[in-house]
Every structure is written in structure tokens, then in C-alpha cells.
């Protein structure tokens, strides 16, 4: 189960790194700032998932690092959607649920 959680968390982080990279090309300074926050969150989640995979036992520090990365991702995505006028609440709820499940999985396994 540890491998599954770690692989899913790495994919979650990489997906948001790719999404942030596309926004970095924007001419809007606010969009670039939000994309940097999302990029940092994606890197944090991906590295923490890799560390969780090679680590010996789960702990609250792993879950805290994963939660901080997921929080950066979710807040940046929420603000980006709100700012652009293309806000879909269900999309953000699903992202939040996936992030919460990944954090719980890192904490438990």
C-alpha cells in the first residue's frame, strides 16, 4: 500500500508541476505568482512522496510536509480559478478530497 500511495502522490505532484509550468508563460503577474506557489506545492508533494517511499516508517512529519504541499496546490488552484472567472466548485472539491486522502495515506502507511 505504501508504494501505491507514494506513486499516486508523485503523480499528483507532477500533474500540478506541469499545470504550473503552463501558467508561468502568462503575461499576468498574479497568474505567474499563483503558478509559482502551485509549482512549489507540487515539488513538495513529489519529493515528500519519494521520501515516504524510501523511508522506513510513516510519521506526522511526512504527513505535515505532504499536507503543506497539497495546501499550496489547492489554494493556488482555487485562487487561479476565482481570478480567471472560470471557477468550478466541484473541480476544487474533488482536488481537495484527493489531497486529503493522499495526506491520510502518507500518515497511516
PDB file of N, CA and C in Angstrom:
ATOM      1  N   UNK A   1       0.818  -1.192   0.000  1.00  0.00           N
ATOM      2  CA  UNK A   1       0.000   0.000   0.000  1.00  0.00           C
ATOM      3  C   UNK A   1       0.866   1.263   0.000  1.00  0.00           C
ATOM      4  N   UNK A   2       2.028   1.153   0.634  1.00  0.00           N
ATOM      5  CA  UNK A   2       2.954   2.291   0.690  1.00  0.00           C
ATOM      6  C   UNK A   2       3.389   2.709  -0.714  1.00  0.00           C
ATOM      7  N   UNK A   3       3.621   1.727  -1.578  1.00  0.00           N
ATOM      8  CA  UNK A   3       4.046   2.026  -2.949  1.00  0.00           C
ATOM      9  C   UNK A   3       2.919   2.708  -3.712  1.00  0.00           C
ATOM     10  N   UNK A   4       1.692   2.220  -3.555  1.00  0.00           N
ATOM     11  CA  UNK A   4       0.544   2.805  -4.261  1.00  0.00           C
ATOM     12  C   UNK A   4       0.335   4.255  -3.837  1.00  0.00           C
ATOM     13  N   UNK A   5       0.353   4.512  -2.538  1.00  0.00           N
ATOM     14  CA  UNK A   5       0.166   5.878  -2.035  1.00  0.00           C
ATOM     15  C   UNK A   5       1.285   6.776  -2.538  1.00  0.00           C
ATOM     16  N   UNK A   6       2.511   6.303  -2.488  1.00  0.00           N
ATOM     17  CA  UNK A   6       3.645   7.117  -2.928  1.00  0.00           C
ATOM     18  C   UNK A   6       3.586   7.420  -4.419  1.00  0.00           C
ATOM     19  N   UNK A   7       3.239   6.427  -5.226  1.00  0.00           N
ATOM     20  CA  UNK A   7       3.143   6.646  -6.671  1.00  0.00           C
ATOM     21  C   UNK A   7       2.019   7.626  -6.996  1.00  0.00           C
ATOM     22  N   UNK A   8       0.869   7.474  -6.346  1.00  0.00           N
ATOM     23  CA  UNK A   8      -0.239   8.409  -6.576  1.00  0.00           C
ATOM     24  C   UNK A   8       0.122   9.829  -6.143  1.00  0.00           C
ATOM     25  N   UNK A   9       0.841   9.959  -5.038  1.00  0.00           N
ATOM     26  CA  UNK A   9       1.246  11.286  -4.580  1.00  0.00           C
ATOM     27  C   UNK A   9       2.271  11.907  -5.532  1.00  0.00           C
ATOM     28  N   UNK A  10       3.183  11.107  -6.041  1.00  0.00           N
ATOM     29  CA  UNK A  10       4.147  11.624  -7.021  1.00  0.00           C
ATOM     30  C   UNK A  10       3.407  12.090  -8.277  1.00  0.00           C
ATOM     31  N   UNK A  11       2.456  11.305  -8.754  1.00  0.00           N
ATOM     32  CA  UNK A  11       1.687  11.691  -9.931  1.00  0.00           C
ATOM     33  C   UNK A  11       0.870  12.959  -9.678  1.00  0.00           C
ATOM     34  N   UNK A  12       0.293  13.087  -8.498  1.00  0.00           N
ATOM     35  CA  UNK A  12      -0.457  14.293  -8.119  1.00  0.00           C
ATOM     36  C   UNK A  12       0.465  15.512  -8.152  1.00  0.00           C
ATOM     37  N   UNK A  13       1.658  15.355  -7.583  1.00  0.00           N
ATOM     38  CA  UNK A  13       2.619  16.454  -7.590  1.00  0.00           C
ATOM     39  C   UNK A  13       3.085  16.803  -8.995  1.00  0.00           C
ATOM     40  N   UNK A  14       3.397  15.792  -9.799  1.00  0.00           N
ATOM     41  CA  UNK A  14       3.863  16.037 -11.165  1.00  0.00           C
ATOM     42  C   UNK A  14       2.786  16.668 -12.040  1.00  0.00           C
ATOM     43  N   UNK A  15       1.549  16.255 -11.857  1.00  0.00           N
ATOM     44  CA  UNK A  15       0.447  16.846 -12.605  1.00  0.00           C
ATOM     45  C   UNK A  15       0.345  18.348 -12.332  1.00  0.00           C
ATOM     46  N   UNK A  16       0.507  18.723 -11.084  1.00  0.00           N
ATOM     47  CA  UNK A  16       0.400  20.139 -10.745  1.00  0.00           C
ATOM     48  C   UNK A  16       1.668  20.914 -11.100  1.00  0.00           C
ATOM     49  N   UNK A  17       2.795  20.249 -11.152  1.00  0.00           N
ATOM     50  CA  UNK A  17       4.013  20.900 -11.649  1.00  0.00           C
ATOM     51  C   UNK A  17       3.836  21.239 -13.129  1.00  0.00           C
ATOM     52  N   UNK A  18       3.281  20.304 -13.886  1.00  0.00           N
ATOM     53  CA  UNK A  18       3.044  20.552 -15.309  1.00  0.00           C
ATOM     54  C   UNK A  18       2.026  21.674 -15.503  1.00  0.00           C
ATOM     55  N   UNK A  19       0.960  21.661 -14.695  1.00  0.00           N
ATOM     56  CA  UNK A  19      -0.049  22.722 -14.798  1.00  0.00           C
ATOM     57  C   UNK A  19       0.557  24.082 -14.449  1.00  0.00           C
ATOM     58  N   UNK A  20       1.425  24.114 -13.459  1.00  0.00           N
ATOM     59  CA  UNK A  20       2.052  25.377 -13.067  1.00  0.00           C
ATOM     60  C   UNK A  20       3.009  25.873 -14.142  1.00  0.00           C
ATOM     61  N   UNK A  21       3.709  24.956 -14.798  1.00  0.00           N
ATOM     62  CA  UNK A  21       4.641  25.355 -15.861  1.00  0.00           C
ATOM     63  C   UNK A  21       3.924  26.030 -17.033  1.00  0.00           C
ATOM     64  N   UNK A  22       2.716  25.577 -17.334  1.00  0.00           N
ATOM     65  CA  UNK A  22       1.979  26.216 -18.424  1.00  0.00           C
ATOM     66  C   UNK A  22       1.537  27.625 -18.043  1.00  0.00           C
ATOM     67  N   UNK A  23       1.257  27.859 -16.766  1.00  0.00           N
ATOM     68  CA  UNK A  23       0.837  29.193 -16.313  1.00  0.00           C
ATOM     69  C   UNK A  23       2.004  30.155 -16.174  1.00  0.00           C
ATOM     70  N   UNK A  24       3.215  29.648 -16.083  1.00  0.00           N
ATOM     71  CA  UNK A  24       4.375  30.532 -15.943  1.00  0.00           C
ATOM     72  C   UNK A  24       4.590  31.400 -17.177  1.00  0.00           C
ATOM     73  N   UNK A  25       4.020  30.998 -18.307  1.00  0.00           N
ATOM     74  CA  UNK A  25       4.179  31.758 -19.540  1.00  0.00           C
ATOM     75  C   UNK A  25       3.193  32.920 -19.643  1.00  0.00           C
ATOM     76  N   UNK A  26       2.317  33.052 -18.667  1.00  0.00           N
ATOM     77  CA  UNK A  26       1.297  34.091 -18.699  1.00  0.00           C
ATOM     78  C   UNK A  26       1.918  35.480 -18.530  1.00  0.00           C
ATOM     79  N   UNK A  27       1.288  36.468 -19.145  1.00  0.00           N
ATOM     80  CA  UNK A  27       1.762  37.845 -19.001  1.00  0.00           C
ATOM     81  C   UNK A  27       1.249  38.487 -17.712  1.00  0.00           C
ATOM     82  N   UNK A  28       0.225  37.883 -17.114  1.00  0.00           N
ATOM     83  CA  UNK A  28      -0.350  38.403 -15.875  1.00  0.00           C
ATOM     84  C   UNK A  28       0.541  38.025 -14.687  1.00  0.00           C
ATOM     85  N   UNK A  29       0.952  39.035 -13.934  1.00  0.00           N
ATOM     86  CA  UNK A  29       1.854  38.795 -12.795  1.00  0.00           C
ATOM     87  C   UNK A  29       1.182  37.961 -11.709  1.00  0.00           C
ATOM     88  N   UNK A  30      -0.115  38.163 -11.504  1.00  0.00           N
ATOM     89  CA  UNK A  30      -0.822  37.388 -10.483  1.00  0.00           C
ATOM     90  C   UNK A  30      -0.861  35.906 -10.860  1.00  0.00           C
ATOM     91  N   UNK A  31      -1.076  35.629 -12.131  1.00  0.00           N
ATOM     92  CA  UNK A  31      -1.101  34.234 -12.578  1.00  0.00           C
ATOM     93  C   UNK A  31       0.269  33.586 -12.414  1.00  0.00           C
ATOM     94  N   UNK A  32       1.316  34.336 -12.686  1.00  0.00           N
ATOM     95  CA  UNK A  32       2.666  33.778 -12.510  1.00  0.00           C
ATOM     96  C   UNK A  32       2.961  33.524 -11.035  1.00  0.00           C
ATOM     97  N   UNK A  33       2.518  34.416 -10.165  1.00  0.00           N
ATOM     98  CA  UNK A  33       2.724  34.208  -8.733  1.00  0.00           C
ATOM     99  C   UNK A  33       1.998  32.989  -8.220  1.00  0.00           C
ATOM    100  N   UNK A  34       0.756  32.813  -8.660  1.00  0.00           N
ATOM    101  CA  UNK A  34      -0.001  31.628  -8.264  1.00  0.00           C
ATOM    102  C   UNK A  34       0.620  30.359  -8.832  1.00  0.00           C
ATOM    103  N   UNK A  35       1.166  30.456 -10.043  1.00  0.00           N
ATOM    104  CA  UNK A  35       1.783  29.265 -10.627  1.00  0.00           C
ATOM    105  C   UNK A  35       3.062  28.895  -9.882  1.00  0.00           C
ATOM    106  N   UNK A  36       3.781  29.879  -9.381  1.00  0.00           N
ATOM    107  CA  UNK A  36       4.978  29.584  -8.583  1.00  0.00           C
ATOM    108  C   UNK A  36       4.583  28.883  -7.286  1.00  0.00           C
ATOM    109  N   UNK A  37       3.490  29.336  -6.660  1.00  0.00           N
ATOM    110  CA  UNK A  37       3.006  28.678  -5.441  1.00  0.00           C
ATOM    111  C   UNK A  37       2.600  27.234  -5.737  1.00  0.00           C
ATOM    112  N   UNK A  38       1.907  27.029  -6.867  1.00  0.00           N
ATOM    113  CA  UNK A  38       1.499  25.672  -7.235  1.00  0.00           C
ATOM    114  C   UNK A  38       2.717  24.817  -7.574  1.00  0.00           C
ATOM    115  N   UNK A  39       3.696  25.404  -8.218  1.00  0.00           N
ATOM    116  CA  UNK A  39       4.926  24.686  -8.550  1.00  0.00           C
ATOM    117  C   UNK A  39       5.648  24.239  -7.276  1.00  0.00           C
ATOM    118  N   UNK A  40       5.749  25.131  -6.309  1.00  0.00           N
ATOM    119  CA  UNK A  40       6.388  24.785  -5.034  1.00  0.00           C
ATOM    120  C   UNK A  40       5.618  23.682  -4.311  1.00  0.00           C
ATOM    121  N   UNK A  41       4.292  23.752  -4.335  1.00  0.00           N
ATOM    122  CA  UNK A  41       3.482  22.711  -3.719  1.00  0.00           C
ATOM    123  C   UNK A  41       3.649  21.370  -4.405  1.00  0.00           C
ATOM    124  N   UNK A  42       3.690  21.381  -5.724  1.00  0.00           N
ATOM    125  CA  UNK A  42       3.880  20.139  -6.472  1.00  0.00           C
ATOM    126  C   UNK A  42       5.226  19.507  -6.202  1.00  0.00           C
ATOM    127  N   UNK A  43       6.260  20.336  -6.140  1.00  0.00           N
ATOM    128  CA  UNK A  43       7.599  19.828  -5.835  1.00  0.00           C
ATOM    129  C   UNK A  43       7.634  19.260  -4.414  1.00  0.00           C
ATOM    130  N   UNK A  44       7.001  19.955  -3.491  1.00  0.00           N
ATOM    131  CA  UNK A  44       6.962  19.496  -2.095  1.00  0.00           C
ATOM    132  C   UNK A  44       6.262  18.136  -1.988  1.00  0.00           C
ATOM    133  N   UNK A  45       5.127  17.998  -2.659  1.00  0.00           N
ATOM    134  CA  UNK A  45       4.388  16.729  -2.610  1.00  0.00           C
ATOM    135  C   UNK A  45       5.187  15.614  -3.290  1.00  0.00           C
ATOM    136  N   UNK A  46       5.763  15.892  -4.443  1.00  0.00           N
ATOM    137  CA  UNK A  46       6.507  14.860  -5.165  1.00  0.00           C
ATOM    138  C   UNK A  46       7.735  14.396  -4.373  1.00  0.00           C
ATOM    139  N   UNK A  47       8.490  15.333  -3.819  1.00  0.00           N
ATOM    140  CA  UNK A  47       9.664  14.942  -3.037  1.00  0.00           C
ATOM    141  C   UNK A  47       9.275  14.219  -1.755  1.00  0.00           C
ATOM    142  N   UNK A  48       8.206  14.663  -1.116  1.00  0.00           N
ATOM    143  CA  UNK A  48       7.777  14.002   0.110  1.00  0.00           C
ATOM    144  C   UNK A  48       7.281  12.589  -0.187  1.00  0.00           C
ATOM    145  N   UNK A  49       6.607  12.416  -1.302  1.00  0.00           N
ATOM    146  CA  UNK A  49       6.135  11.077  -1.667  1.00  0.00           C
ATOM    147  C   UNK A  49       7.317  10.149  -1.942  1.00  0.00           C
ATOM    148  N   UNK A  50       8.339  10.674  -2.604  1.00  0.00           N
ATOM    149  CA  UNK A  50       9.533   9.861  -2.850  1.00  0.00           C
ATOM    150  C   UNK A  50      10.230   9.521  -1.534  1.00  0.00           C
ATOM    151  N   UNK A  51      10.338  10.495  -0.645  1.00  0.00           N
ATOM    152  CA  UNK A  51      10.954  10.237   0.666  1.00  0.00           C
ATOM    153  C   UNK A  51      10.123   9.240   1.467  1.00  0.00           C
ATOM    154  N   UNK A  52       8.815   9.324   1.340  1.00  0.00           N
ATOM    155  CA  UNK A  52       7.932   8.381   2.027  1.00  0.00           C
ATOM    156  C   UNK A  52       8.123   6.974   1.477  1.00  0.00           C
ATOM    157  N   UNK A  53       8.371   6.875   0.189  1.00  0.00           N
ATOM    158  CA  UNK A  53       8.561   5.568  -0.436  1.00  0.00           C
ATOM    159  C   UNK A  53       9.841   4.903   0.045  1.00  0.00           C
ATOM    160  N   UNK A  54      10.923   5.658   0.160  1.00  0.00           N
ATOM    161  CA  UNK A  54      12.195   5.064   0.560  1.00  0.00           C
ATOM    162  C   UNK A  54      12.415   5.107   2.069  1.00  0.00           C
ATOM    163  N   UNK A  55      11.547   5.777   2.802  1.00  0.00           N
ATOM    164  CA  UNK A  55      11.683   5.885   4.251  1.00  0.00           C
ATOM    165  C   UNK A  55      11.311   4.598   4.953  1.00  0.00           C
ATOM    166  N   UNK A  56      11.585   4.568   6.248  1.00  0.00           N
ATOM    167  CA  UNK A  56      11.352   3.340   6.997  1.00  0.00           C
ATOM    168  C   UNK A  56       9.942   3.243   7.568  1.00  0.00           C
ATOM    169  N   UNK A  57       9.427   4.318   8.149  1.00  0.00           N
ATOM    170  CA  UNK A  57       8.092   4.251   8.740  1.00  0.00           C
ATOM    171  C   UNK A  57       7.367   5.585   8.574  1.00  0.00           C
ATOM    172  N   UNK A  58       6.035   5.544   8.486  1.00  0.00           N
ATOM    173  CA  UNK A  58       5.287   6.786   8.326  1.00  0.00           C
ATOM    174  C   UNK A  58       5.277   7.576   9.630  1.00  0.00           C
ATOM    175  N   UNK A  59       5.076   8.844   9.513  1.00  0.00           N
ATOM    176  CA  UNK A  59       5.043   9.674  10.697  1.00  0.00           C
ATOM    177  C   UNK A  59       4.336  10.980  10.430  1.00  0.00           C
ATOM    178  N   UNK A  60       4.175  11.750  11.482  1.00  0.00           N
ATOM    179  CA  UNK A  60       3.442  13.001  11.347  1.00  0.00           C
ATOM    180  C   UNK A  60       4.242  14.037  10.576  1.00  0.00           C
ATOM    181  N   UNK A  61       5.567  13.918  10.539  1.00  0.00           N
ATOM    182  CA  UNK A  61       6.373  14.863   9.752  1.00  0.00           C
ATOM    183  C   UNK A  61       6.158  14.649   8.259  1.00  0.00           C
ATOM    184  N   UNK A  62       6.059  13.403   7.837  1.00  0.00           N
ATOM    185  CA  UNK A  62       5.754  13.108   6.440  1.00  0.00           C
ATOM    186  C   UNK A  62       4.388  13.669   6.062  1.00  0.00           C
ATOM    187  N   UNK A  63       3.410  13.429   6.921  1.00  0.00           N
ATOM    188  CA  UNK A  63       2.055  13.906   6.643  1.00  0.00           C
ATOM    189  C   UNK A  63       1.997  15.432   6.651  1.00  0.00           C
ATOM    190  N   UNK A  64       2.749  16.065   7.533  1.00  0.00           N
ATOM    191  CA  UNK A  64       2.761  17.531   7.598  1.00  0.00           C
ATOM    192  C   UNK A  64       3.392  18.136   6.346  1.00  0.00           C
ATOM    193  N   UNK A  65       4.467  17.552   5.864  1.00  0.00           N
ATOM    194  CA  UNK A  65       5.104  18.048   4.641  1.00  0.00           C
ATOM    195  C   UNK A  65       4.204  17.832   3.430  1.00  0.00           C
ATOM    196  N   UNK A  66       3.555  16.696   3.361  1.00  0.00           N
ATOM    197  CA  UNK A  66       2.632  16.423   2.261  1.00  0.00           C
ATOM    198  C   UNK A  66       1.423  17.355   2.343  1.00  0.00           C
ATOM    199  N   UNK A  67       0.921  17.602   3.525  1.00  0.00           N
ATOM    200  CA  UNK A  67      -0.225  18.492   3.697  1.00  0.00           C
ATOM    201  C   UNK A  67       0.112  19.926   3.307  1.00  0.00           C
ATOM    202  N   UNK A  68       1.313  20.377   3.621  1.00  0.00           N
ATOM    203  CA  UNK A  68       1.686  21.741   3.247  1.00  0.00           C
ATOM    204  C   UNK A  68       1.785  21.888   1.733  1.00  0.00           C
ATOM    205  N   UNK A  69       2.323  20.886   1.059  1.00  0.00           N
ATOM    206  CA  UNK A  69       2.377  20.921  -0.406  1.00  0.00           C
ATOM    207  C   UNK A  69       0.989  20.880  -1.023  1.00  0.00           C
ATOM    208  N   UNK A  70       0.128  20.016  -0.496  1.00  0.00           N
ATOM    209  CA  UNK A  70      -1.241  19.929  -1.006  1.00  0.00           C
ATOM    210  C   UNK A  70      -2.011  21.216  -0.744  1.00  0.00           C
ATOM    211  N   UNK A  71      -1.765  21.837   0.393  1.00  0.00           N
ATOM    212  CA  UNK A  71      -2.431  23.104   0.703  1.00  0.00           C
ATOM    213  C   UNK A  71      -1.996  24.191  -0.266  1.00  0.00           C
ATOM    214  N   UNK A  72      -0.723  24.260  -0.579  1.00  0.00           N
ATOM    215  CA  UNK A  72      -0.247  25.234  -1.566  1.00  0.00           C
ATOM    216  C   UNK A  72      -0.900  25.000  -2.932  1.00  0.00           C
ATOM    217  N   UNK A  73      -0.992  23.760  -3.326  1.00  0.00           N
ATOM    218  CA  UNK A  73      -1.611  23.415  -4.611  1.00  0.00           C
ATOM    219  C   UNK A  73      -3.074  23.824  -4.627  1.00  0.00           C
ATOM    220  N   UNK A  74      -3.813  23.439  -3.594  1.00  0.00           N
ATOM    221  CA  UNK A  74      -5.250  23.698  -3.570  1.00  0.00           C
ATOM    222  C   UNK A  74      -5.561  25.187  -3.498  1.00  0.00           C
ATOM    223  N   UNK A  75      -4.828  25.930  -2.693  1.00  0.00           N
ATOM    224  CA  UNK A  75      -5.072  27.369  -2.581  1.00  0.00           C
ATOM    225  C   UNK A  75      -4.735  28.076  -3.883  1.00  0.00           C
ATOM    226  N   UNK A  76      -3.622  27.712  -4.506  1.00  0.00           N
ATOM    227  CA  UNK A  76      -3.236  28.342  -5.776  1.00  0.00           C
ATOM    228  C   UNK A  76      -4.254  28.026  -6.868  1.00  0.00           C
ATOM    229  N   UNK A  77      -4.733  26.799  -6.915  1.00  0.00           N
ATOM    230  CA  UNK A  77      -5.725  26.429  -7.922  1.00  0.00           C
ATOM    231  C   UNK A  77      -7.051  27.146  -7.685  1.00  0.00           C
ATOM    232  N   UNK A  78      -7.462  27.241  -6.429  1.00  0.00           N
ATOM    233  CA  UNK A  78      -8.696  27.948  -6.083  1.00  0.00           C
ATOM    234  C   UNK A  78      -8.615  29.419  -6.492  1.00  0.00           C
ATOM    235  N   UNK A  79      -7.527  30.069  -6.120  1.00  0.00           N
ATOM    236  CA  UNK A  79      -7.360  31.485  -6.456  1.00  0.00           C
ATOM    237  C   UNK A  79      -7.243  31.702  -7.955  1.00  0.00           C
ATOM    238  N   UNK A  80      -6.583  30.794  -8.641  1.00  0.00           N
ATOM    239  CA  UNK A  80      -6.442  30.909 -10.088  1.00  0.00           C
ATOM    240  C   UNK A  80      -7.805  30.795 -10.764  1.00  0.00           C
ATOM    241  N   UNK A  81      -8.625  29.859 -10.325  1.00  0.00           N
ATOM    242  CA  UNK A  81      -9.961  29.711 -10.886  1.00  0.00           C
ATOM    243  C   UNK A  81     -10.850  30.901 -10.575  1.00  0.00           C
ATOM    244  N   UNK A  82     -10.767  31.406  -9.365  1.00  0.00           N
ATOM    245  CA  UNK A  82     -11.581  32.553  -8.964  1.00  0.00           C
ATOM    246  C   UNK A  82     -11.159  33.804  -9.722  1.00  0.00           C
ATOM    247  N   UNK A  83      -9.865  33.995  -9.876  1.00  0.00           N
ATOM    248  CA  UNK A  83      -9.337  35.182 -10.532  1.00  0.00           C
ATOM    249  C   UNK A  83      -9.661  35.192 -12.022  1.00  0.00           C
ATOM    250  N   UNK A  84      -9.606  34.030 -12.645  1.00  0.00           N
ATOM    251  CA  UNK A  84      -9.837  33.969 -14.088  1.00  0.00           C
ATOM    252  C   UNK A  84     -11.316  33.963 -14.457  1.00  0.00           C
ATOM    253  N   UNK A  85     -12.199  33.772 -13.482  1.00  0.00           N
ATOM    254  CA  UNK A  85     -13.625  33.722 -13.765  1.00  0.00           C
ATOM    255  C   UNK A  85     -14.094  32.360 -14.247  1.00  0.00           C
ATOM    256  N   UNK A  86     -13.223  31.389 -14.256  1.00  0.00           N
ATOM    257  CA  UNK A  86     -13.538  30.034 -14.701  1.00  0.00           C
ATOM    258  C   UNK A  86     -13.553  29.112 -13.482  1.00  0.00           C
ATOM    259  N   UNK A  87     -14.462  29.389 -12.548  1.00  0.00           N
ATOM    260  CA  UNK A  87     -14.485  28.694 -11.264  1.00  0.00           C
ATOM    261  C   UNK A  87     -15.494  27.555 -11.300  1.00  0.00           C
ATOM    262  N   UNK A  88     -15.017  26.350 -11.014  1.00  0.00           N
ATOM    263  CA  UNK A  88     -15.892  25.178 -10.912  1.00  0.00           C
ATOM    264  C   UNK A  88     -15.691  24.571  -9.528  1.00  0.00           C
ATOM    265  N   UNK A  89     -16.697  24.717  -8.688  1.00  0.00           N
ATOM    266  CA  UNK A  89     -16.596  24.269  -7.301  1.00  0.00           C
ATOM    267  C   UNK A  89     -16.353  22.764  -7.210  1.00  0.00           C
ATOM    268  N   UNK A  90     -17.024  21.987  -8.038  1.00  0.00           N
ATOM    269  CA  UNK A  90     -16.868  20.525  -7.971  1.00  0.00           C
ATOM    270  C   UNK A  90     -15.425  20.108  -8.265  1.00  0.00           C
ATOM    271  N   UNK A  91     -14.768  20.811  -9.166  1.00  0.00           N
ATOM    272  CA  UNK A  91     -13.369  20.516  -9.502  1.00  0.00           C
ATOM    273  C   UNK A  91     -12.469  20.721  -8.280  1.00  0.00           C
ATOM    274  N   UNK A  92     -12.705  21.789  -7.548  1.00  0.00           N
ATOM    275  CA  UNK A  92     -11.877  22.085  -6.377  1.00  0.00           C
ATOM    276  C   UNK A  92     -12.204  21.153  -5.215  1.00  0.00           C
ATOM    277  N   UNK A  93     -13.451  20.747  -5.096  1.00  0.00           N
ATOM    278  CA  UNK A  93     -13.825  19.792  -4.049  1.00  0.00           C
ATOM    279  C   UNK A  93     -13.148  18.445  -4.301  1.00  0.00           C
ATOM    280  N   UNK A  94     -13.161  17.993  -5.542  1.00  0.00           N
ATOM    281  CA  UNK A  94     -12.520  16.713  -5.888  1.00  0.00           C
ATOM    282  C   UNK A  94     -11.018  16.793  -5.638  1.00  0.00           C
ATOM    283  N   UNK A  95     -10.384  17.896  -6.023  1.00  0.00           N
ATOM    284  CA  UNK A  95      -8.950  18.066  -5.770  1.00  0.00           C
ATOM    285  C   UNK A  95      -8.662  18.032  -4.271  1.00  0.00           C
ATOM    286  N   UNK A  96      -9.490  18.690  -3.475  1.00  0.00           N
ATOM    287  CA  UNK A  96      -9.306  18.696  -2.023  1.00  0.00           C
ATOM    288  C   UNK A  96      -9.471  17.322  -1.408  1.00  0.00           C
ATOM    289  N   UNK A  97     -10.444  16.563  -1.887  1.00  0.00           N
ATOM    290  CA  UNK A  97     -10.657  15.204  -1.380  1.00  0.00           C
ATOM    291  C   UNK A  97      -9.466  14.313  -1.726  1.00  0.00           C
ATOM    292  N   UNK A  98      -8.989  14.416  -2.952  1.00  0.00           N
ATOM    293  CA  UNK A  98      -7.817  13.619  -3.348  1.00  0.00           C
ATOM    294  C   UNK A  98      -6.604  13.998  -2.501  1.00  0.00           C
ATOM    295  N   UNK A  99      -6.405  15.296  -2.283  1.00  0.00           N
ATOM    296  CA  UNK A  99      -5.275  15.745  -1.462  1.00  0.00           C
ATOM    297  C   UNK A  99      -5.404  15.227  -0.032  1.00  0.00           C
ATOM    298  N   UNK A 100      -6.609  15.292   0.538  1.00  0.00           N
ATOM    299  CA  UNK A 100      -6.816  14.809   1.908  1.00  0.00           C
ATOM    300  C   UNK A 100      -6.571  13.305   2.009  1.00  0.00           C
ATOM    301  N   UNK A 101      -7.015  12.553   1.003  1.00  0.00           N
ATOM    302  CA  UNK A 101      -6.778  11.108   1.008  1.00  0.00           C
ATOM    303  C   UNK A 101      -5.294  10.778   0.890  1.00  0.00           C
ATOM    304  N   UNK A 102      -4.580  11.540   0.074  1.00  0.00           N
ATOM    305  CA  UNK A 102      -3.122  11.315  -0.049  1.00  0.00           C
ATOM    306  C   UNK A 102      -2.408  11.628   1.275  1.00  0.00           C
ATOM    307  N   UNK A 103      -2.798  12.707   1.917  1.00  0.00           N
ATOM    308  CA  UNK A 103      -2.172  13.059   3.210  1.00  0.00           C
ATOM    309  C   UNK A 103      -2.482  11.980   4.247  1.00  0.00           C
ATOM    310  N   UNK A 104      -3.731  11.517   4.281  1.00  0.00           N
ATOM    311  CA  UNK A 104      -4.084  10.448   5.224  1.00  0.00           C
ATOM    312  C   UNK A 104      -3.322   9.169   4.914  1.00  0.00           C
ATOM    313  N   UNK A 105      -3.163   8.860   3.642  1.00  0.00           N
ATOM    314  CA  UNK A 105      -2.414   7.660   3.261  1.00  0.00           C
ATOM    315  C   UNK A 105      -0.950   7.761   3.656  1.00  0.00           C
ATOM    316  N   UNK A 106      -0.360   8.926   3.492  1.00  0.00           N
ATOM    317  CA  UNK A 106       1.039   9.110   3.893  1.00  0.00           C
ATOM    318  C   UNK A 106       1.166   9.004   5.413  1.00  0.00           C
ATOM    319  N   UNK A 107       0.183   9.503   6.140  1.00  0.00           N
ATOM    320  CA  UNK A 107       0.245   9.465   7.601  1.00  0.00           C
ATOM    321  C   UNK A 107       0.090   8.040   8.141  1.00  0.00           C
ATOM    322  N   UNK A 108      -0.728   7.243   7.480  1.00  0.00           N
ATOM    323  CA  UNK A 108      -1.037   5.919   8.018  1.00  0.00           C
ATOM    324  C   UNK A 108      -0.070   4.847   7.512  1.00  0.00           C
ATOM    325  N   UNK A 109       0.227   4.862   6.206  1.00  0.00           N
ATOM    326  CA  UNK A 109       1.071   3.800   5.645  1.00  0.00           C
ATOM    327  C   UNK A 109       2.461   4.269   5.492  1.00  0.00           C
TER     328      UNK A 109
END
